[in-house]
Amino acid sequence: MTGQAARTRKGQASIEMLATVGLVLLLLVPILMLLLVGAQVRFEGLSQIQAASASRLIADSINQVYLEGQGATKVALVNLPSNTKNVSFSENEVIISLETSSGETQVTYPFFGKISKEDAEAEPFIENRKGIMPITFSVIEEDGEAVVNVAYEE
């Protein structure tokens, strides 16, 4: 009786342990999924703030160099978020496009300086770059007027 009873108790203990672990996993999986979704939303909010900071830095650099006039140059270290799709310019705006769970999101910041026609027509200006990158701003003469040329190392 000792051998049979011991095996039955071991089997019962194993089944109880598996049932307990299964129940814990059943409860933890939805909680972990909720936490991951919340983390993704916070990450996207943080990347939008980072993109706003980067676009402001680019626009401020364009304005500063434009005001200093012919021969002025500035190198700015811009930190682009990890979900950056591209950086482009409209006539008077810096546009940073981000890839988010709800599709493409654009963060813009205005500037008043005039940029080179080549930069304004280059769609997009920066593609598939993430992290810290140096961007050079310099004033050149184009069609008889001073404009800001924006360049970066590939």
N, C-alpha and C. Protein backbone atom coordinates (compact mmCIF):
# COMPACT_ATOMS: atom_id res chain seq x y z
N MET A 1 0.81 -1.18 0.00
CA MET A 1 0.00 0.00 0.00
C MET A 1 0.86 1.26 0.00
N THR A 2 2.00 1.16 0.54
CA THR A 2 2.87 2.33 0.62
C THR A 2 3.32 2.76 -0.77
N GLY A 3 3.68 1.84 -1.63
CA GLY A 3 4.16 2.18 -2.96
C GLY A 3 3.05 2.77 -3.83
N GLN A 4 1.88 2.16 -3.81
CA GLN A 4 0.75 2.65 -4.61
C GLN A 4 0.28 4.01 -4.12
N ALA A 5 0.21 4.21 -2.83
CA ALA A 5 -0.26 5.48 -2.27
C ALA A 5 0.74 6.60 -2.55
N ALA A 6 2.02 6.28 -2.50
CA ALA A 6 3.05 7.29 -2.76
C ALA A 6 3.00 7.74 -4.22
N ARG A 7 2.79 6.78 -5.14
CA ARG A 7 2.69 7.13 -6.55
C ARG A 7 1.45 7.98 -6.82
N THR A 8 0.36 7.67 -6.17
CA THR A 8 -0.87 8.42 -6.36
C THR A 8 -0.70 9.85 -5.85
N ARG A 9 -0.03 10.00 -4.70
CA ARG A 9 0.20 11.35 -4.15
C ARG A 9 1.13 12.15 -5.05
N LYS A 10 2.15 11.48 -5.61
CA LYS A 10 3.06 12.18 -6.52
C LYS A 10 2.32 12.63 -7.78
N GLY A 11 1.46 11.77 -8.31
CA GLY A 11 0.67 12.12 -9.49
C GLY A 11 -0.28 13.26 -9.20
N GLN A 12 -0.91 13.22 -8.03
CA GLN A 12 -1.84 14.28 -7.66
C GLN A 12 -1.08 15.60 -7.49
N ALA A 13 0.09 15.56 -6.87
CA ALA A 13 0.88 16.77 -6.67
C ALA A 13 1.32 17.35 -8.03
N SER A 14 1.67 16.48 -8.97
CA SER A 14 2.08 16.94 -10.30
C SER A 14 0.91 17.62 -11.02
N ILE A 15 -0.26 17.02 -10.97
CA ILE A 15 -1.43 17.59 -11.61
C ILE A 15 -1.80 18.92 -10.96
N GLU A 16 -1.75 19.00 -9.64
CA GLU A 16 -2.06 20.26 -8.95
C GLU A 16 -1.05 21.35 -9.33
N MET A 17 0.22 20.98 -9.43
CA MET A 17 1.25 21.95 -9.82
C MET A 17 1.02 22.45 -11.24
N LEU A 18 0.74 21.55 -12.19
CA LEU A 18 0.47 21.94 -13.57
C LEU A 18 -0.78 22.83 -13.66
N ALA A 19 -1.80 22.50 -12.90
CA ALA A 19 -3.03 23.31 -12.91
C ALA A 19 -2.75 24.70 -12.35
N THR A 20 -1.95 24.81 -11.30
CA THR A 20 -1.61 26.09 -10.70
C THR A 20 -0.79 26.94 -11.67
N VAL A 21 0.21 26.34 -12.29
CA VAL A 21 1.05 27.07 -13.25
C VAL A 21 0.20 27.51 -14.45
N GLY A 22 -0.68 26.65 -14.94
CA GLY A 22 -1.56 27.00 -16.05
C GLY A 22 -2.48 28.15 -15.71
N LEU A 23 -3.03 28.15 -14.51
CA LEU A 23 -3.91 29.23 -14.07
C LEU A 23 -3.16 30.55 -13.94
N VAL A 24 -1.94 30.49 -13.40
CA VAL A 24 -1.12 31.70 -13.27
C VAL A 24 -0.79 32.26 -14.65
N LEU A 25 -0.40 31.39 -15.60
CA LEU A 25 -0.12 31.84 -16.96
C LEU A 25 -1.35 32.41 -17.63
N LEU A 26 -2.49 31.80 -17.39
CA LEU A 26 -3.74 32.29 -17.96
C LEU A 26 -4.07 33.69 -17.47
N LEU A 27 -3.72 34.00 -16.24
CA LEU A 27 -3.97 35.33 -15.69
C LEU A 27 -2.89 36.34 -16.09
N LEU A 28 -1.65 35.88 -16.23
CA LEU A 28 -0.55 36.79 -16.54
C LEU A 28 -0.49 37.24 -17.99
N VAL A 29 -0.87 36.40 -18.93
CA VAL A 29 -0.77 36.73 -20.34
C VAL A 29 -1.58 37.98 -20.70
N PRO A 30 -2.85 38.11 -20.31
CA PRO A 30 -3.58 39.35 -20.64
C PRO A 30 -2.97 40.59 -19.96
N ILE A 31 -2.48 40.43 -18.75
CA ILE A 31 -1.87 41.57 -18.05
C ILE A 31 -0.61 42.01 -18.78
N LEU A 32 0.22 41.06 -19.21
CA LEU A 32 1.44 41.41 -19.96
C LEU A 32 1.10 42.07 -21.30
N MET A 33 0.05 41.61 -21.96
CA MET A 33 -0.36 42.22 -23.23
C MET A 33 -0.78 43.67 -23.00
N LEU A 34 -1.52 43.94 -21.95
CA LEU A 34 -1.93 45.31 -21.63
C LEU A 34 -0.73 46.19 -21.34
N LEU A 35 0.24 45.66 -20.62
CA LEU A 35 1.44 46.42 -20.32
C LEU A 35 2.23 46.74 -21.59
N LEU A 36 2.33 45.78 -22.50
CA LEU A 36 3.06 46.01 -23.75
C LEU A 36 2.37 47.05 -24.61
N VAL A 37 1.05 47.02 -24.69
CA VAL A 37 0.32 48.02 -25.48
C VAL A 37 0.52 49.40 -24.85
N GLY A 38 0.45 49.49 -23.54
CA GLY A 38 0.68 50.76 -22.86
C GLY A 38 2.08 51.28 -23.07
N ALA A 39 3.06 50.40 -23.07
CA ALA A 39 4.45 50.80 -23.31
C ALA A 39 4.62 51.32 -24.73
N GLN A 40 3.96 50.70 -25.70
CA GLN A 40 4.06 51.15 -27.08
C GLN A 40 3.46 52.55 -27.24
N VAL A 41 2.34 52.81 -26.59
CA VAL A 41 1.71 54.13 -26.66
C VAL A 41 2.63 55.18 -26.04
N ARG A 42 3.25 54.86 -24.90
CA ARG A 42 4.18 55.80 -24.27
C ARG A 42 5.42 56.02 -25.15
N PHE A 43 5.91 54.97 -25.80
CA PHE A 43 7.05 55.10 -26.70
C PHE A 43 6.72 56.03 -27.86
N GLU A 44 5.54 55.88 -28.44
CA GLU A 44 5.16 56.73 -29.57
C GLU A 44 5.01 58.18 -29.12
N GLY A 45 4.47 58.40 -27.94
CA GLY A 45 4.37 59.76 -27.41
C GLY A 45 5.74 60.37 -27.19
N LEU A 46 6.67 59.57 -26.67
CA LEU A 46 8.03 60.03 -26.45
C LEU A 46 8.73 60.33 -27.77
N SER A 47 8.52 59.50 -28.78
CA SER A 47 9.17 59.74 -30.07
C SER A 47 8.60 60.98 -30.74
N GLN A 48 7.33 61.30 -30.51
CA GLN A 48 6.77 62.53 -31.06
C GLN A 48 7.39 63.75 -30.38
N ILE A 49 7.62 63.67 -29.09
CA ILE A 49 8.29 64.76 -28.37
C ILE A 49 9.71 64.92 -28.88
N GLN A 50 10.41 63.81 -29.08
CA GLN A 50 11.78 63.85 -29.60
C GLN A 50 11.82 64.41 -31.02
N ALA A 51 10.84 64.05 -31.85
CA ALA A 51 10.77 64.58 -33.22
C ALA A 51 10.47 66.08 -33.19
N ALA A 52 9.63 66.52 -32.27
CA ALA A 52 9.33 67.96 -32.16
C ALA A 52 10.59 68.73 -31.77
N SER A 53 11.37 68.16 -30.88
CA SER A 53 12.63 68.79 -30.47
C SER A 53 13.61 68.86 -31.64
N ALA A 54 13.70 67.78 -32.40
CA ALA A 54 14.61 67.74 -33.56
C ALA A 54 14.17 68.73 -34.63
N SER A 55 12.88 68.79 -34.91
CA SER A 55 12.40 69.73 -35.93
C SER A 55 12.60 71.17 -35.48
N ARG A 56 12.43 71.44 -34.19
CA ARG A 56 12.67 72.79 -33.66
C ARG A 56 14.15 73.15 -33.79
N LEU A 57 15.04 72.21 -33.50
CA LEU A 57 16.48 72.46 -33.61
C LEU A 57 16.87 72.76 -35.06
N ILE A 58 16.33 72.00 -36.00
CA ILE A 58 16.63 72.23 -37.42
C ILE A 58 16.12 73.60 -37.85
N ALA A 59 14.87 73.92 -37.50
CA ALA A 59 14.29 75.21 -37.89
C ALA A 59 15.04 76.38 -37.25
N ASP A 60 15.38 76.25 -35.97
CA ASP A 60 16.13 77.32 -35.29
C ASP A 60 17.51 77.51 -35.91
N SER A 61 18.14 76.42 -36.32
CA SER A 61 19.46 76.51 -36.96
C SER A 61 19.35 77.20 -38.31
N ILE A 62 18.32 76.88 -39.08
CA ILE A 62 18.10 77.55 -40.37
C ILE A 62 17.92 79.05 -40.14
N ASN A 63 17.09 79.41 -39.17
CA ASN A 63 16.84 80.83 -38.88
C ASN A 63 18.10 81.55 -38.42
N GLN A 64 18.85 80.92 -37.53
CA GLN A 64 20.06 81.54 -36.98
C GLN A 64 21.09 81.81 -38.08
N VAL A 65 21.34 80.81 -38.90
CA VAL A 65 22.34 80.96 -39.96
C VAL A 65 21.87 81.97 -41.00
N TYR A 66 20.58 81.95 -41.32
CA TYR A 66 20.02 82.89 -42.29
C TYR A 66 20.19 84.33 -41.80
N LEU A 67 19.95 84.56 -40.50
CA LEU A 67 20.10 85.91 -39.94
C LEU A 67 21.55 86.38 -39.92
N GLU A 68 22.49 85.44 -39.74
CA GLU A 68 23.90 85.81 -39.69
C GLU A 68 24.42 86.23 -41.06
N GLY A 69 23.81 85.74 -42.12
CA GLY A 69 24.14 86.20 -43.46
C GLY A 69 25.22 85.39 -44.15
N GLN A 70 25.69 85.95 -45.26
CA GLN A 70 26.64 85.30 -46.15
C GLN A 70 27.88 84.79 -45.40
N GLY A 71 28.23 83.54 -45.66
CA GLY A 71 29.41 82.93 -45.07
C GLY A 71 29.17 82.25 -43.73
N ALA A 72 27.99 82.40 -43.16
CA ALA A 72 27.70 81.78 -41.86
C ALA A 72 27.52 80.28 -42.02
N THR A 73 28.01 79.54 -41.04
CA THR A 73 27.91 78.08 -41.04
C THR A 73 27.65 77.60 -39.62
N LYS A 74 26.88 76.54 -39.51
CA LYS A 74 26.60 75.94 -38.19
C LYS A 74 26.42 74.44 -38.39
N VAL A 75 26.95 73.67 -37.44
CA VAL A 75 26.72 72.23 -37.43
C VAL A 75 25.91 71.91 -36.18
N ALA A 76 24.77 71.26 -36.37
CA ALA A 76 23.91 70.90 -35.25
C ALA A 76 23.81 69.38 -35.16
N LEU A 77 23.88 68.86 -33.94
CA LEU A 77 23.68 67.43 -33.72
C LEU A 77 22.20 67.20 -33.45
N VAL A 78 21.56 66.52 -34.37
CA VAL A 78 20.12 66.29 -34.29
C VAL A 78 19.89 64.83 -33.93
N ASN A 79 19.00 64.61 -32.95
CA ASN A 79 18.69 63.25 -32.50
C ASN A 79 17.32 62.86 -33.05
N LEU A 80 17.32 61.99 -34.06
CA LEU A 80 16.06 61.55 -34.67
C LEU A 80 15.57 60.29 -33.97
N PRO A 81 14.26 60.20 -33.70
CA PRO A 81 13.72 59.02 -33.03
C PRO A 81 13.92 57.75 -33.85
N SER A 82 13.83 56.61 -33.19
CA SER A 82 14.08 55.33 -33.87
C SER A 82 12.98 54.96 -34.87
N ASN A 83 11.82 55.59 -34.79
CA ASN A 83 10.75 55.29 -35.74
C ASN A 83 10.60 56.39 -36.81
N THR A 84 11.70 57.13 -37.06
CA THR A 84 11.68 58.18 -38.09
C THR A 84 11.65 57.56 -39.47
N LYS A 85 10.71 58.01 -40.27
CA LYS A 85 10.60 57.54 -41.66
C LYS A 85 11.44 58.45 -42.56
N ASN A 86 11.23 59.78 -42.44
CA ASN A 86 12.03 60.72 -43.22
C ASN A 86 11.91 62.13 -42.65
N VAL A 87 12.80 62.99 -43.13
CA VAL A 87 12.78 64.42 -42.80
C VAL A 87 12.72 65.15 -44.14
N SER A 88 11.80 66.10 -44.25
CA SER A 88 11.67 66.87 -45.48
C SER A 88 11.34 68.32 -45.15
N PHE A 89 11.34 69.15 -46.19
CA PHE A 89 11.03 70.57 -46.03
C PHE A 89 9.88 70.93 -46.95
N SER A 90 8.98 71.74 -46.45
CA SER A 90 8.03 72.40 -47.34
C SER A 90 8.60 73.80 -47.52
N GLU A 91 7.81 74.73 -47.99
CA GLU A 91 8.35 76.06 -48.23
C GLU A 91 8.92 76.69 -46.96
N ASN A 92 8.21 76.60 -45.87
CA ASN A 92 8.69 77.22 -44.61
C ASN A 92 8.48 76.31 -43.41
N GLU A 93 8.60 75.00 -43.58
CA GLU A 93 8.42 74.08 -42.47
C GLU A 93 9.40 72.92 -42.57
N VAL A 94 9.84 72.47 -41.41
CA VAL A 94 10.58 71.22 -41.31
C VAL A 94 9.53 70.16 -40.99
N ILE A 95 9.54 69.06 -41.72
CA ILE A 95 8.56 67.99 -41.52
C ILE A 95 9.30 66.70 -41.21
N ILE A 96 9.01 66.14 -40.03
CA ILE A 96 9.57 64.83 -39.67
C ILE A 96 8.42 63.83 -39.65
N SER A 97 8.52 62.80 -40.49
CA SER A 97 7.49 61.77 -40.58
C SER A 97 7.89 60.58 -39.72
N LEU A 98 6.97 60.15 -38.88
CA LEU A 98 7.20 59.02 -37.98
C LEU A 98 6.28 57.86 -38.35
N GLU A 99 6.78 56.66 -38.19
CA GLU A 99 5.98 55.46 -38.40
C GLU A 99 5.40 55.04 -37.05
N THR A 100 4.06 55.11 -36.92
CA THR A 100 3.42 54.76 -35.65
C THR A 100 2.41 53.63 -35.88
N SER A 101 1.85 53.13 -34.79
CA SER A 101 0.88 52.04 -34.91
C SER A 101 -0.39 52.49 -35.63
N SER A 102 -0.68 53.77 -35.61
CA SER A 102 -1.87 54.28 -36.30
C SER A 102 -1.54 54.80 -37.71
N GLY A 103 -0.36 54.51 -38.21
CA GLY A 103 0.05 54.97 -39.54
C GLY A 103 1.12 56.04 -39.44
N GLU A 104 1.32 56.76 -40.53
CA GLU A 104 2.35 57.80 -40.56
C GLU A 104 1.87 59.05 -39.83
N THR A 105 2.73 59.59 -38.97
CA THR A 105 2.45 60.82 -38.24
C THR A 105 3.51 61.84 -38.60
N GLN A 106 3.09 63.08 -38.83
CA GLN A 106 4.04 64.13 -39.18
C GLN A 106 4.14 65.15 -38.06
N VAL A 107 5.38 65.50 -37.73
CA VAL A 107 5.67 66.54 -36.75
C VAL A 107 6.32 67.68 -37.52
N THR A 108 5.77 68.89 -37.41
CA THR A 108 6.28 70.03 -38.18
C THR A 108 6.69 71.16 -37.26
N TYR A 109 7.59 72.00 -37.79
CA TYR A 109 7.99 73.22 -37.08
C TYR A 109 8.34 74.27 -38.13
N PRO A 110 7.81 75.49 -37.99
CA PRO A 110 8.03 76.52 -39.02
C PRO A 110 9.38 77.21 -38.89
N PHE A 111 9.85 77.78 -39.99
CA PHE A 111 11.04 78.64 -39.98
C PHE A 111 10.81 79.77 -40.96
N PHE A 112 11.54 80.87 -40.80
CA PHE A 112 11.36 82.02 -41.70
C PHE A 112 12.51 82.20 -42.67
N GLY A 113 13.64 81.56 -42.43
CA GLY A 113 14.77 81.67 -43.34
C GLY A 113 14.46 81.01 -44.67
N LYS A 114 15.14 81.44 -45.69
CA LYS A 114 14.95 80.83 -47.02
C LYS A 114 15.97 79.72 -47.19
N ILE A 115 15.50 78.56 -47.63
CA ILE A 115 16.43 77.45 -47.86
C ILE A 115 16.65 77.29 -49.36
N SER A 116 17.73 76.61 -49.69
CA SER A 116 18.11 76.37 -51.08
C SER A 116 16.99 75.64 -51.81
N LYS A 117 16.79 75.96 -53.06
CA LYS A 117 15.74 75.31 -53.85
C LYS A 117 15.99 73.81 -53.95
N GLU A 118 17.26 73.42 -54.00
CA GLU A 118 17.59 71.99 -54.06
C GLU A 118 17.08 71.27 -52.83
N ASP A 119 17.25 71.90 -51.65
CA ASP A 119 16.80 71.27 -50.41
C ASP A 119 15.28 71.25 -50.33
N ALA A 120 14.65 72.34 -50.77
CA ALA A 120 13.19 72.43 -50.71
C ALA A 120 12.53 71.45 -51.67
N GLU A 121 13.20 71.15 -52.80
CA GLU A 121 12.62 70.25 -53.79
C GLU A 121 13.00 68.79 -53.55
N ALA A 122 14.00 68.55 -52.71
CA ALA A 122 14.43 67.18 -52.44
C ALA A 122 13.40 66.53 -51.53
N GLU A 123 12.62 65.63 -52.05
CA GLU A 123 11.59 64.96 -51.26
C GLU A 123 11.93 63.49 -51.12
N PRO A 124 12.13 62.98 -50.00
CA PRO A 124 12.44 63.64 -48.74
C PRO A 124 13.92 63.99 -48.65
N PHE A 125 14.25 64.86 -47.72
CA PHE A 125 15.63 65.31 -47.56
C PHE A 125 16.48 64.22 -46.89
N ILE A 126 16.01 63.67 -45.78
CA ILE A 126 16.73 62.61 -45.07
C ILE A 126 15.80 61.40 -44.98
N GLU A 127 16.30 60.23 -45.38
CA GLU A 127 15.50 59.01 -45.32
C GLU A 127 16.24 57.92 -44.56
N ASN A 128 15.49 57.14 -43.81
CA ASN A 128 16.02 55.96 -43.12
C ASN A 128 17.23 56.26 -42.24
N ARG A 129 17.19 57.37 -41.51
CA ARG A 129 18.25 57.70 -40.56
C ARG A 129 17.63 57.81 -39.18
N LYS A 130 18.30 57.28 -38.20
CA LYS A 130 17.84 57.32 -36.83
C LYS A 130 19.00 57.66 -35.92
N GLY A 131 18.70 58.20 -34.77
CA GLY A 131 19.74 58.50 -33.80
C GLY A 131 20.38 59.85 -34.05
N ILE A 132 21.54 60.05 -33.46
CA ILE A 132 22.23 61.33 -33.53
C ILE A 132 22.98 61.46 -34.85
N MET A 133 22.76 62.58 -35.51
CA MET A 133 23.46 62.84 -36.78
C MET A 133 23.77 64.32 -36.89
N PRO A 134 24.98 64.66 -37.41
CA PRO A 134 25.31 66.08 -37.61
C PRO A 134 24.71 66.59 -38.92
N ILE A 135 24.10 67.76 -38.84
CA ILE A 135 23.55 68.43 -40.03
C ILE A 135 24.24 69.78 -40.13
N THR A 136 24.74 70.10 -41.32
CA THR A 136 25.47 71.35 -41.55
C THR A 136 24.55 72.36 -42.25
N PHE A 137 24.50 73.55 -41.69
CA PHE A 137 23.71 74.65 -42.25
C PHE A 137 24.69 75.74 -42.67
N SER A 138 24.60 76.18 -43.92
CA SER A 138 25.50 77.24 -44.39
C SER A 138 24.74 78.16 -45.33
N VAL A 139 25.12 79.44 -45.32
CA VAL A 139 24.48 80.42 -46.19
C VAL A 139 25.25 80.50 -47.49
N ILE A 140 24.54 80.35 -48.60
CA ILE A 140 25.13 80.45 -49.94
C ILE A 140 24.32 81.48 -50.74
N GLU A 141 24.85 81.86 -51.88
CA GLU A 141 24.11 82.77 -52.75
C GLU A 141 23.50 81.95 -53.88
N GLU A 142 22.21 82.14 -54.08
CA GLU A 142 21.50 81.40 -55.12
C GLU A 142 20.55 82.38 -55.81
N ASP A 143 20.71 82.56 -57.10
CA ASP A 143 19.89 83.50 -57.88
C ASP A 143 19.96 84.92 -57.31
N GLY A 144 21.12 85.30 -56.83
CA GLY A 144 21.33 86.66 -56.35
C GLY A 144 20.84 86.94 -54.94
N GLU A 145 20.37 85.93 -54.22
CA GLU A 145 19.94 86.15 -52.84
C GLU A 145 20.55 85.09 -51.92
N ALA A 146 20.65 85.46 -50.65
CA ALA A 146 21.22 84.53 -49.68
C ALA A 146 20.18 83.49 -49.27
N VAL A 147 20.59 82.22 -49.32
CA VAL A 147 19.72 81.12 -48.90
C VAL A 147 20.55 80.16 -48.05
N VAL A 148 19.85 79.35 -47.27
CA VAL A 148 20.53 78.38 -46.40
C VAL A 148 20.59 77.03 -47.11
N ASN A 149 21.80 76.48 -47.18
CA ASN A 149 22.01 75.15 -47.72
C ASN A 149 22.09 74.19 -46.53
N VAL A 150 21.32 73.10 -46.59
CA VAL A 150 21.29 72.11 -45.51
C VAL A 150 21.91 70.83 -46.04
N ALA A 151 22.91 70.30 -45.33
CA ALA A 151 23.60 69.09 -45.80
C ALA A 151 23.91 68.17 -44.62
N TYR A 152 24.10 66.91 -44.91
CA TYR A 152 24.50 65.94 -43.90
C TYR A 152 25.34 64.86 -44.56
N GLU A 153 26.12 64.19 -43.72
CA GLU A 153 26.98 63.09 -44.21
C GLU A 153 26.14 61.83 -44.38
N GLU A 154 26.30 61.15 -45.51
CA GLU A 154 25.56 59.90 -45.78
C GLU A 154 26.07 58.78 -44.91
